[in-house]
Amino acid sequence: MKHLLTKKSVIVKIALVAFVLVFLAHQLTYSPYNPYDFFQNGRKGIIPIKAFFDGLEKYAVHGDRLKGNYINEKVHDAPSKDREFLYSKEYLEGILNIKDETFQKLKESHHGFVNEHMPHLLDTVGVATFGELTPKSDKWESYRNSAGYVLIGGGKYSWLAYLVVKQIRMTGSTLPVEVFIPTKSDLDARFCNEIMPKYNARCNMLDSSLLEYLSLKFNLSGYQYKMLAIMASSFENVIYLDSDLYPLKNVEYLLTSDLYKEKGLLIWPDYWSRTTNPKYYEIAGLHVPEKKVRYSQYDRAQAEKKGEGLRDLKDYTFKDSNFHDFENTLPNPTSEAGVMLVNKTSHVRTLLLALYYNVYGPNFYYPLLTQGGAGEGDKETFIAAATVMQEPWFQTQKQFMWVGYHSEDTSKFESKALGHYDPITAKDDDKPAPLIFSHCSYPKHWTDWMYNNNDLIYKTSGEHIRMYKGTYENIGYDLDLRLLTAFTEALCEDIWLEKEKEDNIPLDQREEYMGNFLEYINNDREVNKKRCEEVYVPHLKWLQQTTQYPDTLKPE
């Protein structure tokens, strides 16, 4: 009897060991975590992300916060092509209430980071790229020249990221994708382990100890996650996309273009005028002489009013010209930070300074660069850092296309997205060029947004609307149909319950239905059924029946 019990114990132990081995194998195969995580600092050539932050608190600014600290009111918002408003040096210096003590602390902090902390990282620690590898690493050769997409997910943003990943694959792009998950509470394990790998994608998450360290030290959130996502990515060349920014075509060619090879940082323009406070340049150590280097629409309008031609550039002063037209300033228009291509090795200094700007951005550098203007956040930190570090960059010259439709209900054009152009061929605002990205920021494709505001897809009369029709001729397919197909297939369980009768695959085994994989979808199952039945499925059927682009759903 004793022998029998011993034998059974051995069998149980073997079974337990086998279970643990299978479990570990599964975790290694589908790990959502960064392969160069916080605990690998003992490995040859690995620099943990923590090294970027160690000692950074020394350069914290202990002064009055600038966010919302206006002398009278925030800066005037005007389009970048505005012909009437003058953003003079005097005007821009009169927006934020920057005390002398705070100004001096900002100068000391910026100077210290650039001249002490950055050389320490590059020369002493041995940082060679904006990430965790060094040339001594056994992974360096596979890292060099690697490329992929980086998005930010987590919670409801994983839903948006999923839709973008689907569109990436529809364009024919085969580059890998990493979806950065900011915190452990944001992680949907089944989504990361079972869905993402099917699209050559993976979830990327920092070690929990490092996340706790960063949270306690720097309280990072929101816009600041972009820098972590880029830093933690396993690609040297990153195509960064916001989770509401869709590639319209396969954009891999940009990475092999002469333009990208020469510049290493490609960005796209925003709508708004530059409103950077002149004090920023003093803080950053950039001397701005009274030497105008470019004309603006304001200059042309003033010349027309006087019936004169444009004066020689040397005849303009700080008082009668936009400050952003002088030497060493950041040019007009502002930047769109929802899409960016960057080489993390050639631009490691730019990215290090941008990291600093973003860590101390919300209270100091975001308001310094924008002064409460539209879209204040991380959007100007990249072009600013590259300018200070004297590293090359290129901002697409053709601004963007307002994407929308003429509404019979409001009798005006309704914009629903920004269409961004190919930076290689888009040289002139007056000449056509290919659209390659669409920033679908209004509406974002939340499950409730178009339902609660169904005038976005229906006229008052009940007739249907195509929101993105303005892009069709340029891109050659029906963007509304493509995006809503992915949306409804992932959201509307009744579609799959109906198909179950044909193929005998039950709903809980459907890989297309994200209620099985994302808590954001699963938590609202009943209300989503209502949304699908009343709005989304009827609109999808109408799009299917009326499209003029029957090949829309065929991958390119």
Protein backbone atom coordinates (compact mmCIF):
# COMPACT_ATOMS: atom_id res chain seq x y z
CA MET A 1 0.00 0.00 0.00
CA LYS A 2 2.84 2.35 0.92
CA HIS A 3 4.56 1.50 -2.38
CA LEU A 4 1.34 2.30 -4.28
CA LEU A 5 1.01 5.71 -2.62
CA THR A 6 4.65 6.51 -3.43
CA LYS A 7 4.05 5.57 -7.05
CA LYS A 8 0.95 7.78 -7.19
CA SER A 9 2.92 10.67 -5.66
CA VAL A 10 5.57 10.33 -8.32
CA ILE A 11 2.94 10.35 -11.05
CA VAL A 12 1.31 13.47 -9.55
CA LYS A 13 4.69 15.22 -9.34
CA ILE A 14 5.51 14.31 -12.95
CA ALA A 15 2.11 15.62 -14.03
CA LEU A 16 2.63 18.87 -12.15
CA VAL A 17 6.08 19.34 -13.66
CA ALA A 18 4.69 18.65 -17.13
CA PHE A 19 1.90 21.17 -16.57
CA VAL A 20 4.38 23.83 -15.43
CA LEU A 21 6.62 23.19 -18.45
CA VAL A 22 3.68 23.46 -20.87
CA PHE A 23 2.49 26.63 -19.15
CA LEU A 24 5.96 28.22 -19.31
CA ALA A 25 6.33 27.24 -22.96
CA HIS A 26 3.01 28.91 -23.74
CA GLN A 27 4.01 32.05 -21.86
CA LEU A 28 7.34 32.23 -23.68
CA THR A 29 5.66 31.70 -27.04
CA TYR A 30 3.01 34.34 -26.49
CA SER A 31 4.66 36.63 -23.96
CA PRO A 32 3.16 40.12 -24.07
CA TYR A 33 6.22 41.56 -22.40
CA ASN A 34 9.25 43.34 -23.80
CA PRO A 35 11.97 40.77 -24.63
CA TYR A 36 14.61 43.18 -23.27
CA ASP A 37 12.89 43.68 -19.96
CA PHE A 38 13.99 45.34 -16.75
CA PHE A 39 15.55 42.21 -15.27
CA GLN A 40 17.90 41.46 -18.17
CA ASN A 41 20.47 44.08 -17.23
CA GLY A 42 22.99 41.36 -16.49
CA ARG A 43 22.99 40.14 -20.07
CA LYS A 44 25.76 41.12 -22.43
CA GLY A 45 25.16 44.47 -24.09
CA ILE A 46 21.72 45.09 -22.57
CA ILE A 47 20.99 48.53 -21.13
CA PRO A 48 17.77 48.48 -19.07
CA ILE A 49 15.30 51.28 -19.71
CA LYS A 50 15.71 52.28 -16.08
CA ALA A 51 19.17 53.61 -17.00
CA PHE A 52 17.53 56.36 -19.06
CA PHE A 53 15.65 57.55 -15.98
CA ASP A 54 18.24 57.04 -13.25
CA GLY A 55 19.31 60.48 -12.12
CA LEU A 56 16.77 62.24 -14.34
CA GLU A 57 14.95 63.59 -11.27
CA LYS A 58 18.04 65.74 -10.65
CA TYR A 59 16.80 67.90 -13.56
CA ALA A 60 13.24 68.29 -12.32
CA VAL A 61 12.03 71.89 -12.37
CA HIS A 62 10.99 73.05 -8.91
CA GLY A 63 9.27 76.22 -10.01
CA ASP A 64 5.76 77.51 -10.58
CA ARG A 65 3.98 75.34 -13.12
CA LEU A 66 3.33 77.05 -16.44
CA LYS A 67 0.29 75.05 -17.49
CA GLY A 68 -2.74 77.36 -17.32
CA ASN A 69 -0.60 80.10 -15.79
CA TYR A 70 -1.54 82.89 -18.19
CA ILE A 71 -1.00 86.60 -17.69
CA ASN A 72 -4.44 87.20 -19.18
CA GLU A 73 -5.58 84.33 -21.40
CA LYS A 74 -4.20 81.50 -23.50
CA VAL A 75 -2.72 82.18 -26.91
CA HIS A 76 -4.89 83.09 -29.88
CA ASP A 77 -5.60 80.06 -32.10
CA ALA A 78 -5.29 80.71 -35.82
CA PRO A 79 -4.70 78.50 -38.88
CA SER A 80 -1.08 78.28 -40.03
CA LYS A 81 -2.04 80.14 -43.21
CA ASP A 82 -3.78 82.96 -41.34
CA ARG A 83 -3.20 86.34 -42.98
CA GLU A 84 -4.50 88.63 -40.25
CA PHE A 85 -3.06 87.81 -36.84
CA LEU A 86 0.49 88.85 -35.91
CA TYR A 87 2.40 86.45 -33.66
CA SER A 88 5.12 88.95 -32.80
CA LYS A 89 7.80 88.33 -30.22
CA GLU A 90 6.18 90.83 -27.88
CA TYR A 91 2.76 89.16 -28.19
CA LEU A 92 4.09 85.62 -27.65
CA GLU A 93 6.15 86.68 -24.61
CA GLY A 94 3.00 88.16 -23.03
CA ILE A 95 0.98 84.93 -22.74
CA LEU A 96 2.56 82.84 -19.96
CA ASN A 97 3.37 84.17 -16.53
CA ILE A 98 6.98 82.96 -16.28
CA LYS A 99 8.64 84.20 -13.11
CA ASP A 100 12.38 84.93 -13.27
CA GLU A 101 13.08 82.20 -10.71
CA THR A 102 11.19 79.57 -12.75
CA PHE A 103 12.87 80.73 -15.95
CA GLN A 104 16.33 80.33 -14.39
CA LYS A 105 15.46 76.86 -13.06
CA LEU A 106 14.27 75.80 -16.50
CA LYS A 107 17.51 77.03 -18.07
CA GLU A 108 19.61 75.19 -15.49
CA SER A 109 17.54 72.01 -15.88
CA HIS A 110 17.71 72.02 -19.68
CA HIS A 111 21.43 72.81 -19.74
CA GLY A 112 22.13 70.12 -17.16
CA PHE A 113 20.22 67.45 -19.02
CA VAL A 114 21.86 68.20 -22.37
CA ASN A 115 25.38 68.74 -21.07
CA GLU A 116 25.52 66.33 -18.13
CA HIS A 117 22.89 63.60 -18.24
CA MET A 118 22.92 63.01 -21.98
CA PRO A 119 26.73 62.64 -22.21
CA HIS A 120 26.56 60.34 -19.18
CA LEU A 121 24.08 58.09 -21.00
CA LEU A 122 25.91 58.17 -24.34
CA ASP A 123 29.52 57.98 -23.17
CA THR A 124 29.50 56.36 -19.72
CA VAL A 125 26.47 54.08 -19.78
CA GLY A 126 27.07 53.25 -23.43
CA VAL A 127 23.65 54.07 -24.88
CA ALA A 128 23.88 53.78 -28.68
CA THR A 129 20.22 53.78 -29.60
CA PHE A 130 16.95 54.84 -28.07
CA GLY A 131 16.26 51.46 -26.54
CA GLU A 132 17.98 48.75 -24.58
CA LEU A 133 20.64 47.36 -26.89
CA THR A 134 24.27 48.29 -27.40
CA PRO A 135 26.60 47.23 -30.24
CA LYS A 136 28.02 44.61 -27.82
CA SER A 137 24.70 42.80 -27.62
CA ASP A 138 24.25 39.51 -29.43
CA LYS A 139 20.97 40.95 -30.75
CA TRP A 140 22.54 44.09 -32.22
CA GLU A 141 22.97 42.78 -35.76
CA SER A 142 19.32 41.68 -36.00
CA TYR A 143 18.25 45.00 -34.46
CA ARG A 144 20.21 47.09 -36.94
CA ASN A 145 18.00 48.14 -39.87
CA SER A 146 14.98 46.42 -38.32
CA ALA A 147 11.64 48.19 -38.77
CA GLY A 148 8.07 47.98 -37.60
CA TYR A 149 4.94 49.79 -36.49
CA VAL A 150 4.44 50.99 -32.93
CA LEU A 151 1.02 51.80 -31.47
CA ILE A 152 -0.27 52.40 -27.95
CA GLY A 153 -3.03 50.14 -26.68
CA GLY A 154 -4.30 49.14 -23.28
CA GLY A 155 -7.94 48.92 -22.20
CA LYS A 156 -10.22 50.63 -24.69
CA TYR A 157 -7.19 51.75 -26.73
CA SER A 158 -6.43 48.12 -27.56
CA TRP A 159 -9.77 48.14 -29.42
CA LEU A 160 -8.68 51.10 -31.53
CA ALA A 161 -5.21 49.60 -32.03
CA TYR A 162 -6.82 46.36 -33.26
CA LEU A 163 -8.71 48.26 -35.97
CA VAL A 164 -5.51 50.00 -37.07
CA VAL A 165 -3.63 46.68 -37.17
CA LYS A 166 -6.39 45.23 -39.37
CA GLN A 167 -6.03 48.17 -41.75
CA ILE A 168 -2.22 47.85 -41.80
CA ARG A 169 -2.60 44.29 -43.05
CA MET A 170 -5.28 45.28 -45.57
CA THR A 171 -2.77 47.65 -47.18
CA GLY A 172 -0.44 44.72 -47.84
CA SER A 173 2.18 45.76 -45.30
CA THR A 174 4.02 42.83 -43.73
CA LEU A 175 6.23 44.65 -41.22
CA PRO A 176 5.75 43.52 -37.61
CA VAL A 177 3.60 45.54 -35.22
CA GLU A 178 4.05 46.21 -31.51
CA VAL A 179 1.18 47.46 -29.37
CA PHE A 180 2.49 49.08 -26.20
CA ILE A 181 0.44 48.33 -23.07
CA PRO A 182 1.13 51.09 -20.51
CA THR A 183 0.07 49.32 -17.29
CA LYS A 184 -0.70 45.81 -16.11
CA SER A 185 -4.34 46.74 -15.47
CA ASP A 186 -4.63 47.65 -19.17
CA LEU A 187 -3.60 44.18 -20.33
CA ASP A 188 -6.06 41.84 -22.07
CA ALA A 189 -4.00 38.64 -22.01
CA ARG A 190 -6.07 36.62 -24.50
CA PHE A 191 -6.05 39.49 -26.97
CA CYS A 192 -2.26 39.75 -26.72
CA ASN A 193 -1.56 36.02 -26.70
CA GLU A 194 -4.10 34.75 -29.23
CA ILE A 195 -5.19 37.57 -31.54
CA MET A 196 -2.15 39.76 -32.08
CA PRO A 197 0.19 36.95 -33.26
CA LYS A 198 -2.23 36.19 -36.11
CA TYR A 199 -1.40 39.63 -37.54
CA ASN A 200 2.38 39.40 -36.97
CA ALA A 201 1.81 41.68 -34.02
CA ARG A 202 2.58 41.50 -30.34
CA CYS A 203 1.83 43.35 -27.15
CA ASN A 204 4.78 45.07 -25.52
CA MET A 205 4.73 45.89 -21.83
CA LEU A 206 7.40 47.03 -19.41
CA ASP A 207 8.17 44.98 -16.35
CA SER A 208 5.86 45.76 -13.43
CA SER A 209 8.78 46.79 -11.19
CA LEU A 210 9.94 49.32 -13.75
CA LEU A 211 6.39 50.61 -14.23
CA GLU A 212 6.08 51.09 -10.47
CA TYR A 213 9.42 52.90 -10.39
CA LEU A 214 8.42 55.25 -13.22
CA SER A 215 5.02 55.89 -11.68
CA LEU A 216 6.47 56.80 -8.29
CA LYS A 217 9.29 58.91 -9.69
CA PHE A 218 7.67 60.64 -12.64
CA ASN A 219 3.90 59.97 -12.64
CA LEU A 220 3.88 59.28 -16.40
CA SER A 221 0.59 59.07 -18.29
CA GLY A 222 -1.18 60.10 -21.49
CA TYR A 223 1.06 61.72 -24.10
CA GLN A 224 4.15 60.65 -22.17
CA TYR A 225 3.52 56.97 -23.01
CA LYS A 226 4.55 57.61 -26.63
CA MET A 227 8.20 57.97 -25.63
CA LEU A 228 8.05 54.75 -23.60
CA ALA A 229 6.40 52.92 -26.50
CA ILE A 230 9.13 54.01 -28.93
CA MET A 231 11.92 53.34 -26.42
CA ALA A 232 10.64 49.87 -25.50
CA SER A 233 10.05 48.80 -29.11
CA SER A 234 12.38 46.19 -30.59
CA PHE A 235 12.75 48.09 -33.90
CA GLU A 236 15.52 50.47 -34.88
CA ASN A 237 13.26 52.19 -37.41
CA VAL A 238 9.82 53.00 -36.03
CA ILE A 239 6.63 53.92 -37.84
CA TYR A 240 4.70 55.36 -34.93
CA LEU A 241 0.91 55.64 -35.30
CA ASP A 242 -1.70 56.96 -32.89
CA SER A 243 -4.46 54.43 -32.32
CA ASP A 244 -6.87 56.50 -34.44
CA LEU A 245 -4.45 57.03 -37.33
CA TYR A 246 -4.82 54.64 -40.27
CA PRO A 247 -2.35 54.04 -43.11
CA LEU A 248 -4.27 54.28 -46.38
CA LYS A 249 -1.62 52.49 -48.41
CA ASN A 250 1.39 50.31 -47.73
CA VAL A 251 3.87 52.87 -46.39
CA GLU A 252 6.89 50.58 -46.04
CA TYR A 253 8.51 52.29 -49.05
CA LEU A 254 9.11 55.39 -46.92
CA LEU A 255 11.71 53.52 -44.87
CA THR A 256 13.85 52.77 -47.94
CA SER A 257 13.43 56.21 -49.51
CA ASP A 258 16.37 58.56 -49.95
CA LEU A 259 14.42 61.17 -47.99
CA TYR A 260 14.20 58.98 -44.87
CA LYS A 261 17.77 57.74 -45.20
CA GLU A 262 18.97 61.35 -45.35
CA LYS A 263 16.73 62.81 -42.63
CA GLY A 264 16.01 59.93 -40.22
CA LEU A 265 12.96 61.75 -38.84
CA LEU A 266 9.79 62.34 -40.88
CA ILE A 267 6.84 64.23 -39.43
CA TRP A 268 3.63 65.74 -40.77
CA PRO A 269 2.12 69.22 -40.40
CA ASP A 270 -0.85 70.23 -38.26
CA TYR A 271 -3.47 72.89 -38.97
CA TRP A 272 -2.49 75.49 -36.39
CA SER A 273 -0.04 78.39 -36.33
CA ARG A 274 3.11 78.11 -34.26
CA THR A 275 2.71 79.80 -30.89
CA THR A 276 5.96 78.87 -29.12
CA ASN A 277 7.02 81.24 -26.34
CA PRO A 278 10.30 83.04 -27.22
CA LYS A 279 11.60 82.19 -23.75
CA TYR A 280 11.78 78.53 -24.85
CA TYR A 281 14.70 79.35 -27.18
CA GLU A 282 16.61 81.02 -24.36
CA ILE A 283 15.94 78.02 -22.10
CA ALA A 284 17.13 75.63 -24.83
CA GLY A 285 20.24 77.67 -25.61
CA LEU A 286 19.12 78.65 -29.13
CA HIS A 287 20.05 82.22 -30.02
CA VAL A 288 17.40 83.89 -32.20
CA PRO A 289 18.86 86.96 -33.91
CA GLU A 290 16.65 89.63 -35.46
CA LYS A 291 17.26 88.04 -38.84
CA LYS A 292 14.13 87.04 -40.74
CA VAL A 293 14.62 83.96 -42.96
CA ARG A 294 11.16 83.33 -44.49
CA TYR A 295 7.98 85.13 -45.48
CA SER A 296 4.53 84.34 -44.12
CA GLN A 297 0.98 84.78 -45.36
CA TYR A 298 0.73 87.67 -42.91
CA ASP A 299 3.61 89.43 -44.69
CA ARG A 300 1.93 88.98 -48.06
CA ALA A 301 -1.40 90.27 -46.76
CA GLN A 302 0.22 93.39 -45.31
CA ALA A 303 2.05 94.09 -48.57
CA GLU A 304 -1.19 93.73 -50.54
CA LYS A 305 -3.02 96.12 -48.21
CA LYS A 306 -0.34 98.75 -48.78
CA GLY A 307 -0.20 98.09 -52.49
CA GLU A 308 3.46 97.24 -52.21
CA GLY A 309 5.68 94.27 -52.90
CA LEU A 310 7.31 92.23 -50.16
CA ARG A 311 10.18 94.00 -48.47
CA ASP A 312 13.65 92.53 -48.33
CA LEU A 313 13.85 90.02 -45.46
CA LYS A 314 16.52 92.10 -43.70
CA ASP A 315 14.10 95.04 -43.40
CA TYR A 316 11.69 93.20 -41.05
CA THR A 317 11.87 93.44 -37.25
CA PHE A 318 10.56 91.48 -34.29
CA LYS A 319 7.75 94.03 -33.95
CA ASP A 320 6.26 93.71 -37.44
CA SER A 321 6.78 90.02 -38.22
CA ASN A 322 5.78 86.61 -36.93
CA PHE A 323 8.46 85.47 -34.51
CA HIS A 324 8.55 81.96 -35.98
CA ASP A 325 9.99 83.37 -39.23
CA PHE A 326 13.34 84.31 -37.69
CA GLU A 327 16.59 82.35 -37.74
CA ASN A 328 16.81 79.32 -35.39
CA THR A 329 13.09 79.30 -34.59
CA LEU A 330 10.76 76.34 -35.12
CA PRO A 331 8.94 76.99 -38.40
CA ASN A 332 5.26 77.32 -39.15
CA PRO A 333 3.05 75.25 -39.27
CA THR A 334 3.01 73.19 -36.10
CA SER A 335 3.45 69.42 -36.19
CA GLU A 336 1.01 66.53 -36.06
CA ALA A 337 2.40 63.99 -33.58
CA GLY A 338 -0.05 61.21 -34.48
CA VAL A 339 2.32 59.79 -37.09
CA MET A 340 6.09 59.80 -37.24
CA LEU A 341 8.97 57.82 -38.72
CA VAL A 342 12.23 57.84 -36.78
CA ASN A 343 15.56 56.05 -36.74
CA LYS A 344 16.29 55.42 -33.07
CA THR A 345 20.05 55.20 -33.57
CA SER A 346 20.77 58.15 -35.85
CA HIS A 347 18.40 60.28 -33.74
CA VAL A 348 19.16 58.97 -30.28
CA ARG A 349 20.07 62.47 -29.03
CA THR A 350 16.85 63.94 -30.43
CA LEU A 351 14.80 61.21 -28.76
CA LEU A 352 16.63 61.59 -25.45
CA LEU A 353 15.85 65.31 -25.38
CA ALA A 354 12.26 64.62 -26.47
CA LEU A 355 12.02 62.16 -23.57
CA TYR A 356 13.12 64.93 -21.19
CA TYR A 357 10.61 67.34 -22.73
CA ASN A 358 7.82 64.81 -22.27
CA VAL A 359 8.72 63.78 -18.71
CA TYR A 360 8.55 67.43 -17.70
CA GLY A 361 6.08 68.35 -20.43
CA PRO A 362 2.64 68.70 -18.82
CA ASN A 363 3.63 71.49 -16.41
CA PHE A 364 6.45 73.13 -18.37
CA TYR A 365 7.45 72.22 -21.92
CA TYR A 366 4.00 71.57 -23.40
CA PRO A 367 2.81 75.06 -22.41
CA LEU A 368 6.14 76.63 -23.41
CA LEU A 369 5.88 75.16 -26.91
CA THR A 370 2.16 75.80 -27.45
CA GLN A 371 0.90 78.25 -24.77
CA GLY A 372 -2.55 76.70 -24.49
CA GLY A 373 -3.02 76.52 -28.25
CA ALA A 374 -4.96 73.76 -29.97
CA GLY A 375 -3.64 70.25 -29.43
CA GLU A 376 -1.21 71.19 -26.68
CA GLY A 377 0.81 68.13 -25.72
CA ASP A 378 3.77 66.21 -27.07
CA LYS A 379 3.26 67.33 -30.67
CA GLU A 380 6.08 69.91 -30.80
CA THR A 381 8.62 68.06 -28.66
CA PHE A 382 10.18 66.08 -31.53
CA ILE A 383 10.81 68.93 -33.95
CA ALA A 384 12.05 71.05 -31.03
CA ALA A 385 14.47 68.38 -29.81
CA ALA A 386 15.84 67.75 -33.31
CA THR A 387 16.39 71.48 -33.82
CA VAL A 388 18.27 71.86 -30.52
CA MET A 389 20.37 68.74 -31.19
CA GLN A 390 21.01 69.88 -34.78
CA GLU A 391 19.88 66.54 -36.17
CA PRO A 392 18.02 66.48 -39.53
CA TRP A 393 14.26 66.25 -39.85
CA PHE A 394 11.67 66.71 -42.58
CA GLN A 395 8.09 67.90 -42.28
CA THR A 396 5.85 67.10 -45.25
CA GLN A 397 5.45 70.27 -47.29
CA LYS A 398 1.86 69.82 -48.44
CA GLN A 399 -0.22 70.47 -45.36
CA PHE A 400 -3.10 67.95 -45.33
CA MET A 401 -6.55 67.31 -46.72
CA TRP A 402 -9.71 67.93 -44.72
CA VAL A 403 -11.65 64.68 -45.12
CA GLY A 404 -15.42 64.83 -44.81
CA TYR A 405 -18.59 65.64 -46.70
CA HIS A 406 -20.99 68.48 -47.44
CA SER A 407 -23.91 68.15 -45.03
CA GLU A 408 -27.40 68.93 -46.24
CA ASP A 409 -28.48 69.18 -42.60
CA THR A 410 -26.01 71.94 -41.68
CA SER A 411 -25.42 73.32 -45.20
CA LYS A 412 -21.67 73.26 -44.66
CA PHE A 413 -18.65 71.00 -45.01
CA GLU A 414 -18.27 68.61 -42.08
CA SER A 415 -14.71 67.44 -41.46
CA LYS A 416 -14.24 63.97 -39.95
CA ALA A 417 -10.53 63.28 -40.48
CA LEU A 418 -7.23 64.68 -41.66
CA GLY A 419 -5.66 63.08 -44.72
CA HIS A 420 -1.84 63.21 -44.76
CA TYR A 421 0.19 63.20 -47.97
CA ASP A 422 3.20 61.29 -49.22
CA PRO A 423 6.18 63.41 -48.09
CA ILE A 424 8.29 62.38 -51.09
CA THR A 425 5.94 63.59 -53.84
CA ALA A 426 3.85 66.23 -52.02
CA LYS A 427 5.86 69.37 -52.72
CA ASP A 428 3.24 72.03 -53.38
CA ASP A 429 -0.13 72.79 -51.82
CA ASP A 430 -1.59 73.53 -55.25
CA LYS A 431 -0.63 70.21 -56.84
CA PRO A 432 -2.29 66.82 -56.21
CA ALA A 433 -0.41 64.12 -54.33
CA PRO A 434 -1.15 60.65 -52.91
CA LEU A 435 -2.80 60.41 -49.50
CA ILE A 436 -1.08 57.82 -47.31
CA PHE A 437 -2.54 58.33 -43.80
CA SER A 438 -5.91 59.32 -42.36
CA HIS A 439 -6.20 60.63 -38.81
CA CYS A 440 -9.78 59.66 -37.95
CA SER A 441 -9.98 61.69 -34.77
CA TYR A 442 -13.62 62.77 -35.05
CA PRO A 443 -15.15 60.37 -34.67
CA LYS A 444 -12.71 58.01 -33.03
CA HIS A 445 -14.08 54.54 -33.56
CA TRP A 446 -15.27 54.00 -30.01
CA THR A 447 -18.20 51.61 -29.74
CA ASP A 448 -20.56 54.32 -28.50
CA TRP A 449 -19.44 57.41 -30.45
CA MET A 450 -21.24 56.98 -33.75
CA TYR A 451 -24.24 55.46 -32.01
CA ASN A 452 -24.68 58.39 -29.61
CA ASN A 453 -23.99 60.83 -32.44
CA ASN A 454 -25.54 58.93 -35.32
CA ASP A 455 -25.83 62.15 -37.32
CA LEU A 456 -22.23 61.30 -38.21
CA ILE A 457 -23.52 58.58 -40.54
CA TYR A 458 -27.18 59.55 -41.01
CA LYS A 459 -28.80 62.71 -42.30
CA THR A 460 -31.75 64.13 -40.37
CA SER A 461 -33.95 62.53 -43.03
CA GLY A 462 -32.56 59.11 -42.12
CA GLU A 463 -30.49 58.79 -45.28
CA HIS A 464 -26.98 57.42 -44.95
CA ILE A 465 -23.69 59.37 -45.18
CA ARG A 466 -20.20 58.41 -46.29
CA MET A 467 -17.87 60.28 -43.92
CA TYR A 468 -14.62 59.72 -45.82
CA LYS A 469 -15.86 59.96 -49.40
CA GLY A 470 -13.39 62.72 -50.22
CA THR A 471 -10.52 60.22 -50.11
CA TYR A 472 -11.94 57.61 -52.51
CA GLU A 473 -10.67 58.91 -55.81
CA ASN A 474 -7.22 59.45 -54.33
CA ILE A 475 -6.82 56.07 -52.59
CA GLY A 476 -8.95 53.94 -54.93
CA TYR A 477 -11.28 52.26 -52.44
CA ASP A 478 -14.23 52.89 -50.10
CA LEU A 479 -12.64 53.77 -46.75
CA ASP A 480 -16.00 53.94 -44.96
CA LEU A 481 -16.82 50.41 -46.03
CA ARG A 482 -13.42 49.00 -45.13
CA LEU A 483 -13.26 50.52 -41.65
CA LEU A 484 -16.88 49.78 -40.72
CA THR A 485 -16.54 46.17 -41.92
CA ALA A 486 -13.65 45.58 -39.50
CA PHE A 487 -15.57 47.46 -36.79
CA THR A 488 -18.84 45.52 -37.07
CA GLU A 489 -17.20 42.12 -37.48
CA ALA A 490 -15.30 42.68 -34.24
CA LEU A 491 -18.21 44.25 -32.31
CA CYS A 492 -21.49 42.73 -33.49
CA GLU A 493 -21.99 39.22 -32.17
CA ASP A 494 -25.27 38.69 -34.04
CA ILE A 495 -23.27 38.54 -37.29
CA TRP A 496 -21.49 35.44 -36.03
CA LEU A 497 -24.54 33.91 -34.34
CA GLU A 498 -26.19 33.99 -37.77
CA LYS A 499 -23.14 32.38 -39.40
CA GLU A 500 -23.03 29.73 -36.69
CA LYS A 501 -25.97 28.02 -38.40
CA GLU A 502 -23.84 27.62 -41.53
CA ASP A 503 -20.42 26.62 -40.22
CA ASN A 504 -21.15 25.33 -36.70
CA ILE A 505 -18.52 27.53 -35.02
CA PRO A 506 -20.00 28.82 -31.74
CA LEU A 507 -19.65 32.47 -30.77
CA ASP A 508 -17.24 31.82 -27.90
CA GLN A 509 -14.79 30.27 -30.37
CA ARG A 510 -14.93 33.13 -32.88
CA GLU A 511 -11.59 34.83 -33.35
CA GLU A 512 -13.22 37.70 -35.25
CA TYR A 513 -15.51 38.66 -32.36
CA MET A 514 -13.49 40.77 -29.93
CA GLY A 515 -15.96 40.28 -27.08
CA ASN A 516 -14.06 37.03 -26.52
CA PHE A 517 -10.74 38.85 -26.14
CA LEU A 518 -11.24 42.48 -25.04
CA GLU A 519 -12.97 43.45 -21.81
CA TYR A 520 -13.87 46.81 -23.36
CA ILE A 521 -16.17 44.93 -25.75
CA ASN A 522 -17.24 42.13 -23.43
CA ASN A 523 -18.37 44.47 -20.64
CA ASP A 524 -21.01 46.10 -22.87
CA ARG A 525 -22.37 43.10 -24.73
CA GLU A 526 -26.04 43.91 -24.35
CA VAL A 527 -25.76 47.58 -25.23
CA ASN A 528 -23.47 46.70 -28.15
CA LYS A 529 -26.17 44.40 -29.51
CA LYS A 530 -28.54 47.37 -29.52
CA ARG A 531 -25.98 49.62 -31.17
CA CYS A 532 -25.27 47.05 -33.86
CA GLU A 533 -28.92 46.32 -34.56
CA GLU A 534 -30.05 49.93 -34.73
CA VAL A 535 -27.08 51.71 -36.34
CA TYR A 536 -23.95 49.80 -37.32
CA VAL A 537 -25.27 46.79 -39.22
CA PRO A 538 -27.89 48.77 -41.21
CA HIS A 539 -25.25 51.31 -42.15
CA LEU A 540 -22.80 48.58 -43.16
CA LYS A 541 -25.41 46.94 -45.39
CA TRP A 542 -26.08 50.27 -47.08
CA LEU A 543 -22.34 50.80 -47.65
CA GLN A 544 -22.05 47.30 -49.12
CA GLN A 545 -25.01 47.81 -51.46
CA THR A 546 -24.01 51.26 -52.73
CA THR A 547 -20.21 51.15 -52.96
CA GLN A 548 -18.59 52.05 -56.26
CA TYR A 549 -15.44 50.20 -55.23
CA PRO A 550 -16.31 46.47 -55.12
CA ASP A 551 -12.69 45.43 -54.45
CA THR A 552 -12.51 47.47 -51.23
CA LEU A 553 -12.35 44.42 -48.96
CA LYS A 554 -9.65 42.64 -50.95
CA PRO A 555 -6.22 43.01 -49.31
CA GLU A 556 -3.85 45.05 -51.45
